[in-house]
Amino acid sequence: MARLLTLIALFAIGWWLWRRFVRPPRDTRRPTAPKTQPMVRCAHCGVHVPQNEALAHDNRWYCSRAHLEQDDSPEQR
């Protein structure tokens, strides 16, 4: 009986070692969070967009060229 338990233990240790060295190492680092960007509000429609995607004109931000042109048109002033 002791021989059988020894064989099972040796087999389990061998299996564990084989799997440990055959498997690629796991990446234990945490994934980095994406960098946050300031959000700005469109002066025409009120939608919030990232500042790097928005268009600025006269200290106002716009979500698209169409909204910039519509809000900047002379008949609106």
N, C-alpha and C. Protein backbone atom coordinates (compact mmCIF):
# COMPACT_ATOMS: atom_id res chain seq x y z
N MET A 1 0.83 -1.19 0.00
CA MET A 1 0.00 0.00 0.00
C MET A 1 0.87 1.26 0.00
N ALA A 2 1.95 1.24 0.77
CA ALA A 2 2.84 2.39 0.82
C ALA A 2 3.50 2.63 -0.54
N ARG A 3 3.78 1.53 -1.25
CA ARG A 3 4.38 1.65 -2.59
C ARG A 3 3.41 2.35 -3.55
N LEU A 4 2.16 1.98 -3.46
CA LEU A 4 1.15 2.58 -4.33
C LEU A 4 1.01 4.08 -4.05
N LEU A 5 0.98 4.46 -2.78
CA LEU A 5 0.88 5.89 -2.43
C LEU A 5 2.13 6.64 -2.87
N THR A 6 3.29 6.02 -2.76
CA THR A 6 4.53 6.65 -3.21
C THR A 6 4.51 6.84 -4.71
N LEU A 7 4.07 5.83 -5.45
CA LEU A 7 3.98 5.95 -6.91
C LEU A 7 3.00 7.05 -7.32
N ILE A 8 1.88 7.11 -6.64
CA ILE A 8 0.88 8.16 -6.95
C ILE A 8 1.47 9.53 -6.65
N ALA A 9 2.17 9.68 -5.54
CA ALA A 9 2.78 10.96 -5.19
C ALA A 9 3.85 11.34 -6.20
N LEU A 10 4.69 10.37 -6.60
CA LEU A 10 5.73 10.66 -7.60
C LEU A 10 5.11 11.03 -8.94
N PHE A 11 4.06 10.34 -9.32
CA PHE A 11 3.38 10.66 -10.56
C PHE A 11 2.78 12.06 -10.51
N ALA A 12 2.16 12.42 -9.38
CA ALA A 12 1.56 13.75 -9.24
C ALA A 12 2.62 14.83 -9.28
N ILE A 13 3.75 14.61 -8.61
CA ILE A 13 4.84 15.60 -8.65
C ILE A 13 5.41 15.72 -10.04
N GLY A 14 5.59 14.60 -10.73
CA GLY A 14 6.08 14.62 -12.12
C GLY A 14 5.13 15.36 -13.04
N TRP A 15 3.84 15.09 -12.88
CA TRP A 15 2.82 15.76 -13.70
C TRP A 15 2.85 17.27 -13.45
N TRP A 16 2.93 17.66 -12.19
CA TRP A 16 2.96 19.09 -11.85
C TRP A 16 4.20 19.76 -12.43
N LEU A 17 5.37 19.12 -12.31
CA LEU A 17 6.61 19.69 -12.87
C LEU A 17 6.54 19.79 -14.39
N TRP A 18 6.03 18.75 -15.03
CA TRP A 18 5.92 18.76 -16.49
C TRP A 18 5.01 19.89 -16.96
N ARG A 19 3.86 20.04 -16.32
CA ARG A 19 2.94 21.11 -16.71
C ARG A 19 3.53 22.48 -16.43
N ARG A 20 4.27 22.63 -15.37
CA ARG A 20 4.87 23.91 -15.01
C ARG A 20 5.90 24.36 -16.05
N PHE A 21 6.71 23.43 -16.55
CA PHE A 21 7.76 23.80 -17.49
C PHE A 21 7.30 23.82 -18.94
N VAL A 22 6.23 23.12 -19.25
CA VAL A 22 5.72 23.10 -20.62
C VAL A 22 4.84 24.31 -20.89
N ARG A 23 4.07 24.72 -19.93
CA ARG A 23 3.16 25.86 -20.08
C ARG A 23 3.93 27.16 -20.19
N PRO A 24 3.48 28.08 -21.04
CA PRO A 24 4.14 29.40 -21.07
C PRO A 24 3.87 30.14 -19.77
N PRO A 25 4.80 30.97 -19.33
CA PRO A 25 4.59 31.69 -18.07
C PRO A 25 3.43 32.67 -18.19
N ARG A 26 2.69 32.78 -17.10
CA ARG A 26 1.57 33.71 -17.06
C ARG A 26 2.07 35.12 -16.84
N ASP A 27 1.38 36.07 -17.44
CA ASP A 27 1.70 37.47 -17.22
C ASP A 27 1.03 37.91 -15.93
N THR A 28 1.83 38.17 -14.90
CA THR A 28 1.27 38.51 -13.60
C THR A 28 1.07 40.01 -13.41
N ARG A 29 1.51 40.81 -14.41
CA ARG A 29 1.32 42.26 -14.29
C ARG A 29 -0.15 42.60 -14.51
N ARG A 30 -0.60 43.63 -13.83
CA ARG A 30 -1.96 44.11 -14.05
C ARG A 30 -2.01 44.91 -15.34
N PRO A 31 -3.10 44.79 -16.07
CA PRO A 31 -3.20 45.62 -17.28
C PRO A 31 -3.29 47.09 -16.89
N THR A 32 -2.61 47.92 -17.66
CA THR A 32 -2.62 49.34 -17.35
C THR A 32 -3.93 49.96 -17.83
N ALA A 33 -4.44 50.85 -17.04
CA ALA A 33 -5.68 51.53 -17.38
C ALA A 33 -5.40 52.55 -18.48
N PRO A 34 -6.34 52.71 -19.41
CA PRO A 34 -6.13 53.71 -20.44
C PRO A 34 -6.06 55.11 -19.82
N LYS A 35 -5.25 55.95 -20.43
CA LYS A 35 -5.11 57.31 -19.90
C LYS A 35 -6.41 58.06 -20.14
N THR A 36 -6.82 58.79 -19.13
CA THR A 36 -8.06 59.55 -19.25
C THR A 36 -7.80 60.86 -19.97
N GLN A 37 -8.80 61.34 -20.64
CA GLN A 37 -8.71 62.60 -21.37
C GLN A 37 -9.82 63.52 -20.89
N PRO A 38 -9.54 64.81 -20.86
CA PRO A 38 -10.61 65.74 -20.47
C PRO A 38 -11.73 65.74 -21.51
N MET A 39 -12.94 65.83 -21.03
CA MET A 39 -14.11 65.89 -21.91
C MET A 39 -14.59 67.33 -22.00
N VAL A 40 -15.04 67.72 -23.18
CA VAL A 40 -15.58 69.06 -23.38
C VAL A 40 -16.99 68.93 -23.95
N ARG A 41 -17.78 69.96 -23.73
CA ARG A 41 -19.18 69.96 -24.16
C ARG A 41 -19.32 70.76 -25.45
N CYS A 42 -20.02 70.18 -26.42
CA CYS A 42 -20.27 70.88 -27.69
C CYS A 42 -21.16 72.09 -27.42
N ALA A 43 -20.77 73.26 -27.93
CA ALA A 43 -21.53 74.49 -27.72
C ALA A 43 -22.84 74.48 -28.50
N HIS A 44 -22.96 73.60 -29.48
CA HIS A 44 -24.17 73.57 -30.30
C HIS A 44 -25.19 72.55 -29.79
N CYS A 45 -24.76 71.31 -29.58
CA CYS A 45 -25.72 70.26 -29.23
C CYS A 45 -25.59 69.76 -27.79
N GLY A 46 -24.49 70.06 -27.11
CA GLY A 46 -24.32 69.66 -25.73
C GLY A 46 -23.72 68.29 -25.51
N VAL A 47 -23.33 67.60 -26.58
CA VAL A 47 -22.71 66.28 -26.45
C VAL A 47 -21.30 66.45 -25.90
N HIS A 48 -20.90 65.56 -25.00
CA HIS A 48 -19.55 65.59 -24.46
C HIS A 48 -18.65 64.70 -25.32
N VAL A 49 -17.51 65.23 -25.74
CA VAL A 49 -16.54 64.49 -26.54
C VAL A 49 -15.15 64.70 -25.94
N PRO A 50 -14.22 63.76 -26.19
CA PRO A 50 -12.84 63.98 -25.71
C PRO A 50 -12.25 65.24 -26.32
N GLN A 51 -11.48 65.96 -25.55
CA GLN A 51 -10.94 67.24 -26.00
C GLN A 51 -10.07 67.10 -27.24
N ASN A 52 -9.34 65.98 -27.35
CA ASN A 52 -8.48 65.82 -28.52
C ASN A 52 -9.26 65.54 -29.80
N GLU A 53 -10.55 65.19 -29.71
CA GLU A 53 -11.39 64.97 -30.89
C GLU A 53 -12.29 66.17 -31.19
N ALA A 54 -12.37 67.13 -30.28
CA ALA A 54 -13.26 68.28 -30.44
C ALA A 54 -12.57 69.38 -31.25
N LEU A 55 -13.39 70.26 -31.80
CA LEU A 55 -12.90 71.42 -32.54
C LEU A 55 -13.13 72.67 -31.70
N ALA A 56 -12.10 73.50 -31.57
CA ALA A 56 -12.19 74.71 -30.76
C ALA A 56 -12.30 75.93 -31.65
N HIS A 57 -13.14 76.89 -31.21
CA HIS A 57 -13.27 78.16 -31.92
C HIS A 57 -13.82 79.20 -30.94
N ASP A 58 -13.10 80.30 -30.76
CA ASP A 58 -13.53 81.39 -29.86
C ASP A 58 -13.85 80.88 -28.45
N ASN A 59 -12.97 80.08 -27.88
CA ASN A 59 -13.14 79.53 -26.53
C ASN A 59 -14.39 78.67 -26.38
N ARG A 60 -14.88 78.12 -27.47
CA ARG A 60 -16.00 77.18 -27.44
C ARG A 60 -15.56 75.90 -28.14
N TRP A 61 -16.15 74.79 -27.75
CA TRP A 61 -15.81 73.48 -28.31
C TRP A 61 -16.99 72.94 -29.10
N TYR A 62 -16.67 72.20 -30.17
CA TYR A 62 -17.70 71.61 -31.03
C TYR A 62 -17.35 70.16 -31.31
N CYS A 63 -18.39 69.33 -31.46
CA CYS A 63 -18.18 67.91 -31.68
C CYS A 63 -17.89 67.59 -33.15
N SER A 64 -18.27 68.49 -34.07
CA SER A 64 -18.04 68.23 -35.49
C SER A 64 -17.90 69.55 -36.24
N ARG A 65 -17.40 69.46 -37.44
CA ARG A 65 -17.24 70.64 -38.30
C ARG A 65 -18.62 71.23 -38.63
N ALA A 66 -19.62 70.39 -38.83
CA ALA A 66 -20.97 70.87 -39.16
C ALA A 66 -21.53 71.73 -38.02
N HIS A 67 -21.34 71.30 -36.79
CA HIS A 67 -21.85 72.08 -35.66
C HIS A 67 -21.06 73.38 -35.50
N LEU A 68 -19.79 73.35 -35.78
CA LEU A 68 -18.99 74.58 -35.71
C LEU A 68 -19.50 75.58 -36.73
N GLU A 69 -19.77 75.12 -37.95
CA GLU A 69 -20.25 76.01 -39.00
C GLU A 69 -21.67 76.49 -38.74
N GLN A 70 -22.54 75.62 -38.21
CA GLN A 70 -23.91 76.02 -37.93
C GLN A 70 -23.98 77.04 -36.79
N ASP A 71 -23.16 76.85 -35.79
CA ASP A 71 -23.19 77.75 -34.65
C ASP A 71 -22.47 79.06 -34.97
N ASP A 72 -21.56 79.03 -35.92
CA ASP A 72 -20.76 80.20 -36.27
C ASP A 72 -21.37 80.98 -37.44
N SER A 73 -22.53 80.55 -37.94
CA SER A 73 -23.12 81.21 -39.09
C SER A 73 -23.60 82.62 -38.71
N PRO A 74 -23.57 83.58 -39.66
CA PRO A 74 -23.94 84.97 -39.36
C PRO A 74 -25.41 85.14 -38.96
N GLU A 75 -26.33 84.31 -39.48
CA GLU A 75 -27.73 84.49 -39.14
C GLU A 75 -28.04 84.08 -37.70
N GLN A 76 -27.14 83.36 -37.05
CA GLN A 76 -27.33 82.98 -35.66
C GLN A 76 -26.89 84.08 -34.71
N ARG A 77 -26.10 85.01 -35.15
CA ARG A 77 -25.58 86.08 -34.28
C ARG A 77 -26.50 87.21 -34.16
